[in-house]
Every structure is written in C-alpha cells, then in structure tokens.
Amino acid sequence: MVRLAKITVDPAQLETYNAALKEQMTTAIRVEPGVLTYYAVADKANPTHITILEIYADTAAYKAHITTPHFTKYKNTVKDMVKSLELVDVTLVGAAKKPGM
C-alpha cells in the first residue's frame, strides 16, 4: 500500500510539528514490520507544505499502524498544528535506490 499525505502546517508551529513527525516516523520504522518506508519533504518555497510518502507491506499493516500508541500520540500532538490534510492512495510505478540505502 502506497500513500501520499499532503499536509499544511501552521507556520508558527512548524518546528514543533516537524519534531513530532520525525518521532512518529522513526518509531514506526523501528517497531512496525509492516511500515516499510517513510519520506517527508517540505516545499522549498513554502516549508509549511509537507508531503509524506508512506509505503506499507499491505492494507492490514496500514490499519495496524494507525492504531499504535506512537501514531495516536502524533495525531493528538499535531491536531491543532495541521491546517489541512489530504490522503492520496497511489500506485507504485517503479522504484530504484542504491544498495544499502
């Protein structure tokens, strides 16, 4: 399962949001076997616009992920920081990466 999360963050809370996001992402990768990849990027022209690429082993892994304590903590922490959220399910057309990355 591959998904893009397109998020707009309150500019005054961007640093706090980024810290919460990084904590959630690193915890998910460390403790959840079904969470395969997370990449979060910010638009250079408007760093409050964040796009996250999420890759899960399958839909069941995603459903399990959103019930974890670390994801629940993240959602509760950022609920007043996120101004908009769009979730887009996509199809992986191809992937290429250097070995060991």
PDB file of N, CA and C in Angstrom:
ATOM      1  N   MET A   1       0.853  -1.178   0.000  1.00  0.00           N
ATOM      2  CA  MET A   1       0.000   0.000   0.000  1.00  0.00           C
ATOM      3  C   MET A   1       0.890   1.228   0.000  1.00  0.00           C
ATOM      4  N   VAL A   2       0.646   2.118  -0.931  1.00  0.00           N
ATOM      5  CA  VAL A   2       1.436   3.341  -1.044  1.00  0.00           C
ATOM      6  C   VAL A   2       0.488   4.534  -0.954  1.00  0.00           C
ATOM      7  N   ARG A   3       0.875   5.496  -0.143  1.00  0.00           N
ATOM      8  CA  ARG A   3       0.014   6.651   0.091  1.00  0.00           C
ATOM      9  C   ARG A   3       0.869   7.903   0.177  1.00  0.00           C
ATOM     10  N   LEU A   4       0.305   9.008  -0.311  1.00  0.00           N
ATOM     11  CA  LEU A   4       0.880  10.330  -0.097  1.00  0.00           C
ATOM     12  C   LEU A   4      -0.013  11.059   0.896  1.00  0.00           C
ATOM     13  N   ALA A   5       0.611  11.685   1.873  1.00  0.00           N
ATOM     14  CA  ALA A   5      -0.109  12.561   2.794  1.00  0.00           C
ATOM     15  C   ALA A   5       0.361  13.978   2.493  1.00  0.00           C
ATOM     16  N   LYS A   6      -0.565  14.834   2.095  1.00  0.00           N
ATOM     17  CA  LYS A   6      -0.244  16.228   1.780  1.00  0.00           C
ATOM     18  C   LYS A   6      -0.792  17.081   2.917  1.00  0.00           C
ATOM     19  N   ILE A   7       0.118  17.740   3.613  1.00  0.00           N
ATOM     20  CA  ILE A   7      -0.222  18.416   4.865  1.00  0.00           C
ATOM     21  C   ILE A   7       0.186  19.881   4.788  1.00  0.00           C
ATOM     22  N   THR A   8      -0.669  20.750   5.306  1.00  0.00           N
ATOM     23  CA  THR A   8      -0.319  22.148   5.510  1.00  0.00           C
ATOM     24  C   THR A   8      -0.298  22.395   7.010  1.00  0.00           C
ATOM     25  N   VAL A   9       0.812  22.953   7.473  1.00  0.00           N
ATOM     26  CA  VAL A   9       1.039  23.147   8.906  1.00  0.00           C
ATOM     27  C   VAL A   9       0.984  24.634   9.242  1.00  0.00           C
ATOM     28  N   ASP A  10       0.491  24.950  10.420  1.00  0.00           N
ATOM     29  CA  ASP A  10       0.504  26.315  10.942  1.00  0.00           C
ATOM     30  C   ASP A  10       1.958  26.783  11.013  1.00  0.00           C
ATOM     31  N   PRO A  11       2.301  27.878  10.326  1.00  0.00           N
ATOM     32  CA  PRO A  11       3.696  28.331  10.292  1.00  0.00           C
ATOM     33  C   PRO A  11       4.309  28.559  11.674  1.00  0.00           C
ATOM     34  N   ALA A  12       3.525  29.033  12.625  1.00  0.00           N
ATOM     35  CA  ALA A  12       4.040  29.304  13.967  1.00  0.00           C
ATOM     36  C   ALA A  12       4.418  28.026  14.721  1.00  0.00           C
ATOM     37  N   GLN A  13       3.915  26.886  14.247  1.00  0.00           N
ATOM     38  CA  GLN A  13       4.153  25.622  14.945  1.00  0.00           C
ATOM     39  C   GLN A  13       4.957  24.626  14.108  1.00  0.00           C
ATOM     40  N   LEU A  14       5.574  25.093  13.030  1.00  0.00           N
ATOM     41  CA  LEU A  14       6.247  24.198  12.092  1.00  0.00           C
ATOM     42  C   LEU A  14       7.375  23.391  12.742  1.00  0.00           C
ATOM     43  N   GLU A  15       8.201  24.027  13.527  1.00  0.00           N
ATOM     44  CA  GLU A  15       9.319  23.316  14.161  1.00  0.00           C
ATOM     45  C   GLU A  15       8.812  22.215  15.089  1.00  0.00           C
ATOM     46  N   THR A  16       7.795  22.516  15.870  1.00  0.00           N
ATOM     47  CA  THR A  16       7.214  21.528  16.784  1.00  0.00           C
ATOM     48  C   THR A  16       6.566  20.397  15.997  1.00  0.00           C
ATOM     49  N   TYR A  17       5.876  20.748  14.915  1.00  0.00           N
ATOM     50  CA  TYR A  17       5.262  19.723  14.071  1.00  0.00           C
ATOM     51  C   TYR A  17       6.328  18.785  13.502  1.00  0.00           C
ATOM     52  N   ASN A  18       7.383  19.353  12.931  1.00  0.00           N
ATOM     53  CA  ASN A  18       8.431  18.535  12.324  1.00  0.00           C
ATOM     54  C   ASN A  18       9.053  17.576  13.341  1.00  0.00           C
ATOM     55  N   ALA A  19       9.247  18.023  14.557  1.00  0.00           N
ATOM     56  CA  ALA A  19       9.803  17.152  15.603  1.00  0.00           C
ATOM     57  C   ALA A  19       8.850  15.998  15.910  1.00  0.00           C
ATOM     58  N   ALA A  20       7.557  16.283  16.015  1.00  0.00           N
ATOM     59  CA  ALA A  20       6.564  15.232  16.295  1.00  0.00           C
ATOM     60  C   ALA A  20       6.500  14.238  15.142  1.00  0.00           C
ATOM     61  N   LEU A  21       6.552  14.748  13.916  1.00  0.00           N
ATOM     62  CA  LEU A  21       6.515  13.878  12.739  1.00  0.00           C
ATOM     63  C   LEU A  21       7.727  12.951  12.718  1.00  0.00           C
ATOM     64  N   LYS A  22       8.905  13.503  12.926  1.00  0.00           N
ATOM     65  CA  LYS A  22      10.128  12.695  12.911  1.00  0.00           C
ATOM     66  C   LYS A  22      10.092  11.611  13.984  1.00  0.00           C
ATOM     67  N   GLU A  23       9.597  11.952  15.161  1.00  0.00           N
ATOM     68  CA  GLU A  23       9.494  10.959  16.233  1.00  0.00           C
ATOM     69  C   GLU A  23       8.557   9.826  15.834  1.00  0.00           C
ATOM     70  N   GLN A  24       7.411  10.172  15.275  1.00  0.00           N
ATOM     71  CA  GLN A  24       6.442   9.156  14.864  1.00  0.00           C
ATOM     72  C   GLN A  24       7.006   8.270  13.768  1.00  0.00           C
ATOM     73  N   MET A  25       7.644   8.888  12.764  1.00  0.00           N
ATOM     74  CA  MET A  25       8.186   8.130  11.639  1.00  0.00           C
ATOM     75  C   MET A  25       9.272   7.149  12.086  1.00  0.00           C
ATOM     76  N   THR A  26      10.215   7.630  12.870  1.00  0.00           N
ATOM     77  CA  THR A  26      11.329   6.763  13.280  1.00  0.00           C
ATOM     78  C   THR A  26      10.837   5.636  14.181  1.00  0.00           C
ATOM     79  N   THR A  27       9.859   5.925  15.026  1.00  0.00           N
ATOM     80  CA  THR A  27       9.302   4.872  15.875  1.00  0.00           C
ATOM     81  C   THR A  27       8.586   3.832  15.035  1.00  0.00           C
ATOM     82  N   ALA A  28       7.784   4.265  14.083  1.00  0.00           N
ATOM     83  CA  ALA A  28       7.047   3.325  13.230  1.00  0.00           C
ATOM     84  C   ALA A  28       8.002   2.410  12.468  1.00  0.00           C
ATOM     85  N   ILE A  29       9.052   2.975  11.896  1.00  0.00           N
ATOM     86  CA  ILE A  29      10.014   2.159  11.147  1.00  0.00           C
ATOM     87  C   ILE A  29      10.718   1.170  12.075  1.00  0.00           C
ATOM     88  N   ARG A  30      11.032   1.614  13.275  1.00  0.00           N
ATOM     89  CA  ARG A  30      11.751   0.766  14.226  1.00  0.00           C
ATOM     90  C   ARG A  30      10.901  -0.387  14.773  1.00  0.00           C
ATOM     91  N   VAL A  31       9.627  -0.144  15.060  1.00  0.00           N
ATOM     92  CA  VAL A  31       8.842  -1.151  15.788  1.00  0.00           C
ATOM     93  C   VAL A  31       7.764  -1.856  14.971  1.00  0.00           C
ATOM     94  N   GLU A  32       7.452  -1.351  13.783  1.00  0.00           N
ATOM     95  CA  GLU A  32       6.381  -1.956  12.993  1.00  0.00           C
ATOM     96  C   GLU A  32       6.946  -2.623  11.739  1.00  0.00           C
ATOM     97  N   PRO A  33       6.919  -3.952  11.680  1.00  0.00           N
ATOM     98  CA  PRO A  33       7.464  -4.619  10.494  1.00  0.00           C
ATOM     99  C   PRO A  33       6.725  -4.281   9.202  1.00  0.00           C
ATOM    100  N   GLY A  34       5.464  -3.908   9.285  1.00  0.00           N
ATOM    101  CA  GLY A  34       4.673  -3.616   8.093  1.00  0.00           C
ATOM    102  C   GLY A  34       4.834  -2.206   7.557  1.00  0.00           C
ATOM    103  N   VAL A  35       5.516  -1.331   8.306  1.00  0.00           N
ATOM    104  CA  VAL A  35       5.807   0.018   7.822  1.00  0.00           C
ATOM    105  C   VAL A  35       7.163  -0.052   7.139  1.00  0.00           C
ATOM    106  N   LEU A  36       7.158   0.068   5.808  1.00  0.00           N
ATOM    107  CA  LEU A  36       8.371  -0.165   5.027  1.00  0.00           C
ATOM    108  C   LEU A  36       9.165   1.101   4.733  1.00  0.00           C
ATOM    109  N   THR A  37       8.480   2.200   4.446  1.00  0.00           N
ATOM    110  CA  THR A  37       9.169   3.420   4.038  1.00  0.00           C
ATOM    111  C   THR A  37       8.381   4.649   4.459  1.00  0.00           C
ATOM    112  N   TYR A  38       9.106   5.643   4.900  1.00  0.00           N
ATOM    113  CA  TYR A  38       8.562   6.981   5.144  1.00  0.00           C
ATOM    114  C   TYR A  38       9.550   7.986   4.580  1.00  0.00           C
ATOM    115  N   TYR A  39       9.091   8.883   3.750  1.00  0.00           N
ATOM    116  CA  TYR A  39       9.861  10.048   3.337  1.00  0.00           C
ATOM    117  C   TYR A  39       8.966  11.251   3.541  1.00  0.00           C
ATOM    118  N   ALA A  40       9.475  12.258   4.247  1.00  0.00           N
ATOM    119  CA  ALA A  40       8.741  13.507   4.419  1.00  0.00           C
ATOM    120  C   ALA A  40       9.571  14.628   3.803  1.00  0.00           C
ATOM    121  N   VAL A  41       8.929  15.410   2.954  1.00  0.00           N
ATOM    122  CA  VAL A  41       9.608  16.526   2.300  1.00  0.00           C
ATOM    123  C   VAL A  41       8.764  17.787   2.448  1.00  0.00           C
ATOM    124  N   ALA A  42       9.475  18.921   2.507  1.00  0.00           N
ATOM    125  CA  ALA A  42       8.802  20.214   2.586  1.00  0.00           C
ATOM    126  C   ALA A  42       9.070  20.986   1.309  1.00  0.00           C
ATOM    127  N   ASP A  43       8.067  21.688   0.850  1.00  0.00           N
ATOM    128  CA  ASP A  43       8.194  22.554  -0.315  1.00  0.00           C
ATOM    129  C   ASP A  43       9.211  23.646   0.017  1.00  0.00           C
ATOM    130  N   LYS A  44      10.225  23.824  -0.831  1.00  0.00           N
ATOM    131  CA  LYS A  44      11.249  24.840  -0.570  1.00  0.00           C
ATOM    132  C   LYS A  44      10.654  26.244  -0.529  1.00  0.00           C
ATOM    133  N   ALA A  45       9.695  26.514  -1.398  1.00  0.00           N
ATOM    134  CA  ALA A  45       9.091  27.844  -1.452  1.00  0.00           C
ATOM    135  C   ALA A  45       8.129  28.086  -0.287  1.00  0.00           C
ATOM    136  N   ASN A  46       7.552  27.012   0.238  1.00  0.00           N
ATOM    137  CA  ASN A  46       6.608  27.134   1.351  1.00  0.00           C
ATOM    138  C   ASN A  46       6.778  25.920   2.263  1.00  0.00           C
ATOM    139  N   PRO A  47       7.703  25.999   3.226  1.00  0.00           N
ATOM    140  CA  PRO A  47       8.018  24.836   4.054  1.00  0.00           C
ATOM    141  C   PRO A  47       6.877  24.341   4.947  1.00  0.00           C
ATOM    142  N   THR A  48       5.777  25.087   4.983  1.00  0.00           N
ATOM    143  CA  THR A  48       4.622  24.598   5.740  1.00  0.00           C
ATOM    144  C   THR A  48       3.816  23.571   4.946  1.00  0.00           C
ATOM    145  N   HIS A  49       4.159  23.399   3.672  1.00  0.00           N
ATOM    146  CA  HIS A  49       3.519  22.386   2.829  1.00  0.00           C
ATOM    147  C   HIS A  49       4.411  21.152   2.825  1.00  0.00           C
ATOM    148  N   ILE A  50       3.952  20.115   3.479  1.00  0.00           N
ATOM    149  CA  ILE A  50       4.727  18.890   3.661  1.00  0.00           C
ATOM    150  C   ILE A  50       4.031  17.753   2.939  1.00  0.00           C
ATOM    151  N   THR A  51       4.813  16.949   2.235  1.00  0.00           N
ATOM    152  CA  THR A  51       4.303  15.747   1.587  1.00  0.00           C
ATOM    153  C   THR A  51       5.049  14.556   2.153  1.00  0.00           C
ATOM    154  N   ILE A  52       4.300  13.543   2.544  1.00  0.00           N
ATOM    155  CA  ILE A  52       4.883  12.328   3.106  1.00  0.00           C
ATOM    156  C   ILE A  52       4.565  11.167   2.175  1.00  0.00           C
ATOM    157  N   LEU A  53       5.603  10.436   1.790  1.00  0.00           N
ATOM    158  CA  LEU A  53       5.445   9.193   1.043  1.00  0.00           C
ATOM    159  C   LEU A  53       5.494   8.066   2.059  1.00  0.00           C
ATOM    160  N   GLU A  54       4.433   7.288   2.120  1.00  0.00           N
ATOM    161  CA  GLU A  54       4.324   6.176   3.065  1.00  0.00           C
ATOM    162  C   GLU A  54       4.151   4.885   2.277  1.00  0.00           C
ATOM    163  N   ILE A  55       4.957   3.881   2.593  1.00  0.00           N
ATOM    164  CA  ILE A  55       4.807   2.573   1.954  1.00  0.00           C
ATOM    165  C   ILE A  55       4.651   1.524   3.050  1.00  0.00           C
ATOM    166  N   TYR A  56       3.575   0.770   2.948  1.00  0.00           N
ATOM    167  CA  TYR A  56       3.245  -0.288   3.901  1.00  0.00           C
ATOM    168  C   TYR A  56       3.266  -1.637   3.195  1.00  0.00           C
ATOM    169  N   ALA A  57       3.493  -2.693   3.945  1.00  0.00           N
ATOM    170  CA  ALA A  57       3.509  -4.041   3.373  1.00  0.00           C
ATOM    171  C   ALA A  57       2.171  -4.371   2.722  1.00  0.00           C
ATOM    172  N   ASP A  58       1.087  -3.895   3.321  1.00  0.00           N
ATOM    173  CA  ASP A  58      -0.260  -4.140   2.800  1.00  0.00           C
ATOM    174  C   ASP A  58      -1.244  -3.276   3.575  1.00  0.00           C
ATOM    175  N   THR A  59      -2.509  -3.352   3.218  1.00  0.00           N
ATOM    176  CA  THR A  59      -3.536  -2.557   3.878  1.00  0.00           C
ATOM    177  C   THR A  59      -3.660  -2.905   5.362  1.00  0.00           C
ATOM    178  N   ALA A  60      -3.485  -4.172   5.700  1.00  0.00           N
ATOM    179  CA  ALA A  60      -3.559  -4.585   7.105  1.00  0.00           C
ATOM    180  C   ALA A  60      -2.463  -3.906   7.930  1.00  0.00           C
ATOM    181  N   ALA A  61      -1.284  -3.765   7.347  1.00  0.00           N
ATOM    182  CA  ALA A  61      -0.185  -3.089   8.050  1.00  0.00           C
ATOM    183  C   ALA A  61      -0.527  -1.621   8.291  1.00  0.00           C
ATOM    184  N   TYR A  62      -1.150  -0.976   7.307  1.00  0.00           N
ATOM    185  CA  TYR A  62      -1.579   0.407   7.489  1.00  0.00           C
ATOM    186  C   TYR A  62      -2.633   0.513   8.587  1.00  0.00           C
ATOM    187  N   LYS A  63      -3.615  -0.370   8.547  1.00  0.00           N
ATOM    188  CA  LYS A  63      -4.680  -0.338   9.562  1.00  0.00           C
ATOM    189  C   LYS A  63      -4.120  -0.564  10.956  1.00  0.00           C
ATOM    190  N   ALA A  64      -3.130  -1.438  11.065  1.00  0.00           N
ATOM    191  CA  ALA A  64      -2.475  -1.664  12.362  1.00  0.00           C
ATOM    192  C   ALA A  64      -1.700  -0.415  12.782  1.00  0.00           C
ATOM    193  N   HIS A  65      -1.033   0.209  11.836  1.00  0.00           N
ATOM    194  CA  HIS A  65      -0.214   1.395  12.122  1.00  0.00           C
ATOM    195  C   HIS A  65      -1.034   2.508  12.752  1.00  0.00           C
ATOM    196  N   ILE A  66      -2.202   2.780  12.211  1.00  0.00           N
ATOM    197  CA  ILE A  66      -2.974   3.922  12.709  1.00  0.00           C
ATOM    198  C   ILE A  66      -3.617   3.675  14.069  1.00  0.00           C
ATOM    199  N   THR A  67      -3.440   2.472  14.622  1.00  0.00           N
ATOM    200  CA  THR A  67      -3.953   2.187  15.971  1.00  0.00           C
ATOM    201  C   THR A  67      -2.834   2.123  17.009  1.00  0.00           C
ATOM    202  N   THR A  68      -1.587   2.320  16.595  1.00  0.00           N
ATOM    203  CA  THR A  68      -0.454   2.202  17.523  1.00  0.00           C
ATOM    204  C   THR A  68      -0.397   3.388  18.483  1.00  0.00           C
ATOM    205  N   PRO A  69       0.203   3.177  19.654  1.00  0.00           N
ATOM    206  CA  PRO A  69       0.346   4.286  20.602  1.00  0.00           C
ATOM    207  C   PRO A  69       1.158   5.460  20.041  1.00  0.00           C
ATOM    208  N   HIS A  70       2.210   5.180  19.282  1.00  0.00           N
ATOM    209  CA  HIS A  70       3.026   6.291  18.762  1.00  0.00           C
ATOM    210  C   HIS A  70       2.283   7.093  17.701  1.00  0.00           C
ATOM    211  N   PHE A  71       1.448   6.445  16.889  1.00  0.00           N
ATOM    212  CA  PHE A  71       0.677   7.194  15.905  1.00  0.00           C
ATOM    213  C   PHE A  71      -0.418   8.008  16.594  1.00  0.00           C
ATOM    214  N   THR A  72      -1.063   7.413  17.586  1.00  0.00           N
ATOM    215  CA  THR A  72      -2.092   8.130  18.347  1.00  0.00           C
ATOM    216  C   THR A  72      -1.495   9.351  19.040  1.00  0.00           C
ATOM    217  N   LYS A  73      -0.297   9.193  19.612  1.00  0.00           N
ATOM    218  CA  LYS A  73       0.391  10.324  20.246  1.00  0.00           C
ATOM    219  C   LYS A  73       0.651  11.425  19.223  1.00  0.00           C
ATOM    220  N   TYR A  74       1.142  11.045  18.051  1.00  0.00           N
ATOM    221  CA  TYR A  74       1.407  12.014  16.982  1.00  0.00           C
ATOM    222  C   TYR A  74       0.126  12.770  16.614  1.00  0.00           C
ATOM    223  N   LYS A  75      -0.953  12.045  16.351  1.00  0.00           N
ATOM    224  CA  LYS A  75      -2.211  12.689  15.944  1.00  0.00           C
ATOM    225  C   LYS A  75      -2.710  13.656  17.010  1.00  0.00           C
ATOM    226  N   ASN A  76      -2.625  13.254  18.275  1.00  0.00           N
ATOM    227  CA  ASN A  76      -3.067  14.129  19.359  1.00  0.00           C
ATOM    228  C   ASN A  76      -2.168  15.352  19.497  1.00  0.00           C
ATOM    229  N   THR A  77      -0.868  15.159  19.295  1.00  0.00           N
ATOM    230  CA  THR A  77       0.091  16.254  19.416  1.00  0.00           C
ATOM    231  C   THR A  77      -0.108  17.296  18.323  1.00  0.00           C
ATOM    232  N   VAL A  78      -0.372  16.857  17.094  1.00  0.00           N
ATOM    233  CA  VAL A  78      -0.397  17.783  15.952  1.00  0.00           C
ATOM    234  C   VAL A  78      -1.796  18.255  15.559  1.00  0.00           C
ATOM    235  N   LYS A  79      -2.821  17.813  16.255  1.00  0.00           N
ATOM    236  CA  LYS A  79      -4.191  18.100  15.815  1.00  0.00           C
ATOM    237  C   LYS A  79      -4.477  19.590  15.642  1.00  0.00           C
ATOM    238  N   ASP A  80      -3.848  20.455  16.441  1.00  0.00           N
ATOM    239  CA  ASP A  80      -4.078  21.896  16.304  1.00  0.00           C
ATOM    240  C   ASP A  80      -3.009  22.572  15.450  1.00  0.00           C
ATOM    241  N   MET A  81      -2.048  21.790  14.952  1.00  0.00           N
ATOM    242  CA  MET A  81      -0.981  22.331  14.101  1.00  0.00           C
ATOM    243  C   MET A  81      -1.293  22.151  12.623  1.00  0.00           C
ATOM    244  N   VAL A  82      -2.030  21.098  12.304  1.00  0.00           N
ATOM    245  CA  VAL A  82      -2.329  20.765  10.909  1.00  0.00           C
ATOM    246  C   VAL A  82      -3.535  21.568  10.448  1.00  0.00           C
ATOM    247  N   LYS A  83      -3.311  22.356   9.401  1.00  0.00           N
ATOM    248  CA  LYS A  83      -4.384  23.184   8.849  1.00  0.00           C
ATOM    249  C   LYS A  83      -5.158  22.453   7.758  1.00  0.00           C
ATOM    250  N   SER A  84      -4.483  21.539   7.048  1.00  0.00           N
ATOM    251  CA  SER A  84      -5.188  20.719   6.062  1.00  0.00           C
ATOM    252  C   SER A  84      -4.426  19.411   5.879  1.00  0.00           C
ATOM    253  N   LEU A  85      -5.176  18.379   5.518  1.00  0.00           N
ATOM    254  CA  LEU A  85      -4.622  17.042   5.295  1.00  0.00           C
ATOM    255  C   LEU A  85      -5.362  16.410   4.131  1.00  0.00           C
ATOM    256  N   GLU A  86      -4.588  15.960   3.149  1.00  0.00           N
ATOM    257  CA  GLU A  86      -5.146  15.231   2.014  1.00  0.00           C
ATOM    258  C   GLU A  86      -4.391  13.914   1.907  1.00  0.00           C
ATOM    259  N   LEU A  87      -5.103  12.797   1.937  1.00  0.00           N
ATOM    260  CA  LEU A  87      -4.502  11.478   1.783  1.00  0.00           C
ATOM    261  C   LEU A  87      -4.800  10.977   0.387  1.00  0.00           C
ATOM    262  N   VAL A  88      -3.751  10.613  -0.344  1.00  0.00           N
ATOM    263  CA  VAL A  88      -3.894  10.187  -1.732  1.00  0.00           C
ATOM    264  C   VAL A  88      -3.288   8.800  -1.872  1.00  0.00           C
ATOM    265  N   ASP A  89      -4.108   7.820  -2.178  1.00  0.00           N
ATOM    266  CA  ASP A  89      -3.592   6.480  -2.451  1.00  0.00           C
ATOM    267  C   ASP A  89      -3.064   6.461  -3.877  1.00  0.00           C
ATOM    268  N   VAL A  90      -1.857   5.937  -4.037  1.00  0.00           N
ATOM    269  CA  VAL A  90      -1.203   5.915  -5.339  1.00  0.00           C
ATOM    270  C   VAL A  90      -0.708   4.509  -5.634  1.00  0.00           C
ATOM    271  N   THR A  91      -0.366   4.290  -6.888  1.00  0.00           N
ATOM    272  CA  THR A  91       0.195   3.013  -7.330  1.00  0.00           C
ATOM    273  C   THR A  91       1.674   3.212  -7.588  1.00  0.00           C
ATOM    274  N   LEU A  92       2.493   2.378  -7.014  1.00  0.00           N
ATOM    275  CA  LEU A  92       3.930   2.452  -7.241  1.00  0.00           C
ATOM    276  C   LEU A  92       4.229   1.957  -8.653  1.00  0.00           C
ATOM    277  N   VAL A  93       4.768   2.837  -9.463  1.00  0.00           N
ATOM    278  CA  VAL A  93       5.087   2.514 -10.847  1.00  0.00           C
ATOM    279  C   VAL A  93       6.467   1.864 -10.924  1.00  0.00           C
ATOM    280  N   GLY A  94       7.371   2.316 -10.104  1.00  0.00           N
ATOM    281  CA  GLY A  94       8.721   1.766 -10.095  1.00  0.00           C
ATOM    282  C   GLY A  94       9.489   2.347  -8.932  1.00  0.00           C
ATOM    283  N   ALA A  95      10.593   1.710  -8.597  1.00  0.00           N
ATOM    284  CA  ALA A  95      11.446   2.188  -7.510  1.00  0.00           C
ATOM    285  C   ALA A  95      12.883   1.842  -7.853  1.00  0.00           C
ATOM    286  N   ALA A  96      13.770   2.724  -7.487  1.00  0.00           N
ATOM    287  CA  ALA A  96      15.200   2.476  -7.686  1.00  0.00           C
ATOM    288  C   ALA A  96      15.939   3.150  -6.545  1.00  0.00           C
ATOM    289  N   LYS A  97      16.882   2.441  -5.957  1.00  0.00           N
ATOM    290  CA  LYS A  97      17.702   3.051  -4.911  1.00  0.00           C
ATOM    291  C   LYS A  97      19.036   2.335  -4.871  1.00  0.00           C
ATOM    292  N   LYS A  98      20.011   3.015  -4.377  1.00  0.00           N
ATOM    293  CA  LYS A  98      21.332   2.441  -4.245  1.00  0.00           C
ATOM    294  C   LYS A  98      21.305   1.375  -3.155  1.00  0.00           C
ATOM    295  N   PRO A  99      22.070   0.323  -3.284  1.00  0.00           N
ATOM    296  CA  PRO A  99      22.115  -0.722  -2.260  1.00  0.00           C
ATOM    297  C   PRO A  99      22.546  -0.123  -0.912  1.00  0.00           C
ATOM    298  N   GLY A 100      21.935  -0.624   0.150  1.00  0.00           N
ATOM    299  CA  GLY A 100      22.288  -0.186   1.486  1.00  0.00           C
ATOM    300  C   GLY A 100      21.657   1.119   1.910  1.00  0.00           C
ATOM    301  N   MET A 101      20.761   1.645   1.108  1.00  0.00           N
ATOM    302  CA  MET A 101      20.112   2.913   1.469  1.00  0.00           C
ATOM    303  C   MET A 101      18.691   2.674   1.873  1.00  0.00           C
TER     304      MET A 101
END
